[in-house]
Amino acid sequence: MRKVLYRTVVLLGLWLPLLLYAQNFQFVPSSGNNSITTCDGWICDFGGPNQNYGNNWDGYMVIYPATAGEMVAITSGSYSTESGWDYVYVYSGVGTGGTLLATLTGAGSITTSIISTAANGALTIRFKSDGSICYYSGFAFYVQCVSPVVMSNNPLTTCSAIWTDPGGLGNYGNNQYCPK
């Protein structure tokens, strides 16, 4: 009985942290695409936060906001890729046909939030690596949802906001007057 209990405790001690750790990250596939709905979490390349990425990867993930009316934003994180050869692309909207918001290569960190401007609030992250040199760590980005604020004549006090014209997330009308 003691041996069984000991083995159970040892196995649980070895695997539980890995299971809990794995649930904190969502992975952009190495090929094809996937999607998630969230307002809070880490997104990384398919190699994960502790392994290097592979050669010839080209996949993307669409991130939908879990709260209707909000927009997905990459608010922090870092990347390390083969400069000029391997890229992280961030698009506003669903898929790679949306507006390109960022092209990241080399090494760096997210110092300014990258925020979806799509009407549905979705953001797409694509990772593409070439056929050689794969000893870089890839990327890990933290995503959150943010609420848009439509400007008006009314005073507003806030600690965090996204400002849009009276058209909101859509197009503004012709000859529209926007007072300060």
Protein backbone atom coordinates (compact mmCIF):
# COMPACT_ATOMS: atom_id res chain seq x y z
CA MET A 1 0.00 0.00 0.00
CA ARG A 2 2.82 2.40 0.84
CA LYS A 3 4.51 1.77 -2.53
CA VAL A 4 1.30 2.48 -4.43
CA LEU A 5 0.70 5.65 -2.46
CA TYR A 6 4.33 6.73 -2.92
CA ARG A 7 4.19 6.10 -6.70
CA THR A 8 0.91 8.01 -6.95
CA VAL A 9 2.34 10.98 -5.07
CA VAL A 10 5.54 10.95 -7.17
CA LEU A 11 3.66 10.69 -10.48
CA LEU A 12 1.18 13.35 -9.43
CA GLY A 13 4.07 15.54 -8.31
CA LEU A 14 5.76 15.15 -11.69
CA TRP A 15 2.73 15.54 -13.94
CA LEU A 16 0.46 17.95 -12.09
CA PRO A 17 2.70 21.00 -12.60
CA LEU A 18 2.99 20.17 -16.30
CA LEU A 19 -0.77 19.81 -16.67
CA LEU A 20 -1.44 23.06 -14.83
CA TYR A 21 1.32 24.84 -16.74
CA ALA A 22 0.04 23.66 -20.11
CA GLN A 23 -3.40 25.10 -19.39
CA ASN A 24 -1.97 28.60 -19.06
CA PHE A 25 -0.89 28.76 -22.71
CA GLN A 26 -2.69 28.54 -26.04
CA PHE A 27 -0.61 27.56 -29.05
CA VAL A 28 -0.56 28.91 -32.60
CA PRO A 29 -0.41 25.74 -34.73
CA SER A 30 2.74 24.92 -36.71
CA SER A 31 0.53 24.60 -39.82
CA GLY A 32 -3.08 25.37 -40.60
CA ASN A 33 -5.14 27.42 -38.18
CA ASN A 34 -7.21 27.31 -35.03
CA SER A 35 -9.29 29.72 -32.98
CA ILE A 36 -10.05 30.47 -29.35
CA THR A 37 -12.39 32.74 -27.46
CA THR A 38 -10.79 34.45 -24.50
CA CYS A 39 -10.19 37.76 -22.76
CA ASP A 40 -7.25 36.64 -20.65
CA GLY A 41 -4.32 34.38 -21.45
CA TRP A 42 -0.97 33.66 -23.01
CA ILE A 43 -0.53 32.82 -26.70
CA CYS A 44 2.73 31.31 -27.94
CA ASP A 45 4.24 29.46 -30.88
CA PHE A 46 3.72 25.71 -31.10
CA GLY A 47 7.12 25.04 -29.49
CA GLY A 48 5.73 26.44 -26.28
CA PRO A 49 7.34 28.88 -23.88
CA ASN A 50 10.30 26.62 -23.06
CA GLN A 51 11.26 25.12 -26.43
CA ASN A 52 12.51 26.47 -29.73
CA TYR A 53 10.24 26.52 -32.75
CA GLY A 54 10.73 24.34 -35.82
CA ASN A 55 11.50 24.83 -39.50
CA ASN A 56 8.87 25.55 -42.14
CA TRP A 57 6.11 26.46 -39.71
CA ASP A 58 3.23 28.52 -41.06
CA GLY A 59 0.09 28.62 -38.96
CA TYR A 60 -2.25 31.14 -37.45
CA MET A 61 -4.69 31.54 -34.58
CA VAL A 62 -7.81 33.69 -34.50
CA ILE A 63 -8.59 35.08 -31.05
CA TYR A 64 -12.18 36.15 -30.46
CA PRO A 65 -13.14 38.32 -27.47
CA ALA A 66 -15.08 36.43 -24.79
CA THR A 67 -17.10 39.58 -24.08
CA ALA A 68 -19.27 40.93 -26.90
CA GLY A 69 -18.40 44.47 -27.95
CA GLU A 70 -14.81 44.29 -26.67
CA MET A 71 -11.60 44.04 -28.68
CA VAL A 72 -8.70 41.62 -28.26
CA ALA A 73 -5.36 43.28 -27.49
CA ILE A 74 -1.81 41.97 -27.12
CA THR A 75 -0.73 43.88 -24.05
CA SER A 76 2.68 42.38 -23.26
CA GLY A 77 5.10 39.64 -24.17
CA SER A 78 8.26 39.10 -26.17
CA TYR A 79 9.56 37.42 -29.30
CA SER A 80 12.87 35.99 -30.53
CA THR A 81 13.04 34.83 -34.14
CA GLU A 82 15.65 34.60 -36.87
CA SER A 83 15.75 38.25 -37.95
CA GLY A 84 14.59 38.82 -41.52
CA TRP A 85 13.64 35.18 -42.07
CA ASP A 86 11.08 34.17 -39.44
CA TYR A 87 8.10 36.39 -38.65
CA VAL A 88 5.15 36.93 -36.35
CA TYR A 89 2.31 38.77 -38.09
CA VAL A 90 -0.61 40.30 -36.21
CA TYR A 91 -3.83 41.07 -38.10
CA SER A 92 -7.01 42.83 -37.09
CA GLY A 93 -10.00 40.59 -37.71
CA VAL A 94 -10.47 36.96 -38.69
CA GLY A 95 -7.67 35.34 -40.69
CA THR A 96 -4.77 36.77 -42.63
CA GLY A 97 -6.93 38.87 -44.94
CA GLY A 98 -7.49 41.51 -42.27
CA THR A 99 -5.53 44.69 -41.67
CA LEU A 100 -1.89 43.96 -40.85
CA LEU A 101 -1.18 45.63 -37.49
CA ALA A 102 2.36 44.39 -36.78
CA THR A 103 5.23 42.50 -38.43
CA LEU A 104 7.70 41.24 -35.82
CA THR A 105 11.10 39.66 -36.51
CA GLY A 106 14.36 39.44 -34.58
CA ALA A 107 14.14 40.00 -30.84
CA GLY A 108 11.94 42.41 -28.95
CA SER A 109 9.10 42.94 -26.55
CA ILE A 110 5.61 44.36 -26.75
CA THR A 111 5.86 47.86 -25.30
CA THR A 112 2.66 49.28 -26.79
CA SER A 113 -0.57 47.28 -26.96
CA ILE A 114 -1.55 45.87 -30.36
CA ILE A 115 -5.33 46.19 -30.48
CA SER A 116 -7.88 44.82 -32.92
CA THR A 117 -9.81 47.43 -34.86
CA ALA A 118 -12.21 44.90 -36.41
CA ALA A 119 -15.93 45.28 -35.76
CA ASN A 120 -16.03 41.80 -34.16
CA GLY A 121 -12.96 42.55 -32.00
CA ALA A 122 -11.01 39.53 -33.27
CA LEU A 123 -7.22 39.44 -33.64
CA THR A 124 -5.19 36.96 -35.71
CA ILE A 125 -1.61 35.93 -34.91
CA ARG A 126 0.36 34.16 -37.66
CA PHE A 127 3.79 32.59 -37.19
CA LYS A 128 5.96 31.73 -40.19
CA SER A 129 9.47 30.24 -40.10
CA ASP A 130 11.78 29.42 -43.00
CA GLY A 131 13.53 26.11 -43.71
CA SER A 132 16.70 26.61 -41.69
CA ILE A 133 18.05 27.72 -38.30
CA CYS A 134 15.51 27.03 -35.59
CA TYR A 135 17.35 27.71 -32.35
CA TYR A 136 15.25 30.73 -31.40
CA SER A 137 12.57 30.65 -28.72
CA GLY A 138 9.69 32.11 -30.78
CA PHE A 139 7.11 34.22 -28.98
CA ALA A 140 4.79 34.44 -26.01
CA PHE A 141 2.16 37.22 -25.92
CA TYR A 142 -0.36 38.08 -23.24
CA VAL A 143 -3.82 38.93 -24.58
CA GLN A 144 -6.67 40.76 -22.90
CA CYS A 145 -9.92 42.36 -24.01
CA VAL A 146 -10.45 46.10 -23.97
CA SER A 147 -13.62 48.15 -24.33
CA PRO A 148 -13.89 50.80 -27.02
CA VAL A 149 -14.96 54.28 -25.97
CA VAL A 150 -16.84 56.44 -28.46
CA MET A 151 -15.93 60.13 -28.17
CA SER A 152 -18.68 62.62 -27.37
CA ASN A 153 -19.12 66.08 -25.89
CA ASN A 154 -19.51 64.58 -22.41
CA PRO A 155 -16.52 64.66 -20.04
CA LEU A 156 -15.01 61.28 -19.28
CA THR A 157 -12.67 60.14 -16.54
CA THR A 158 -10.87 56.85 -17.12
CA CYS A 159 -7.64 55.00 -16.40
CA SER A 160 -7.63 53.05 -19.65
CA ALA A 161 -9.47 53.55 -22.93
CA ILE A 162 -9.47 53.22 -26.70
CA TRP A 163 -10.73 56.32 -28.47
CA THR A 164 -12.72 56.07 -31.68
CA ASP A 165 -14.53 58.57 -33.88
CA PRO A 166 -18.37 58.75 -33.83
CA GLY A 167 -18.48 55.87 -36.31
CA GLY A 168 -17.31 53.62 -33.48
CA LEU A 169 -15.57 50.53 -34.82
CA GLY A 170 -17.16 51.01 -38.25
CA ASN A 171 -16.59 53.67 -40.87
CA TYR A 172 -17.42 57.30 -40.10
CA GLY A 173 -19.96 59.15 -42.20
CA ASN A 174 -19.18 61.79 -44.81
CA ASN A 175 -18.95 65.39 -43.59
CA GLN A 176 -19.28 64.31 -39.99
CA TYR A 177 -18.43 66.96 -37.39
CA CYS A 178 -16.40 65.81 -34.39
CA PRO A 179 -16.05 68.57 -31.79
CA LYS A 180 -13.14 68.44 -29.39
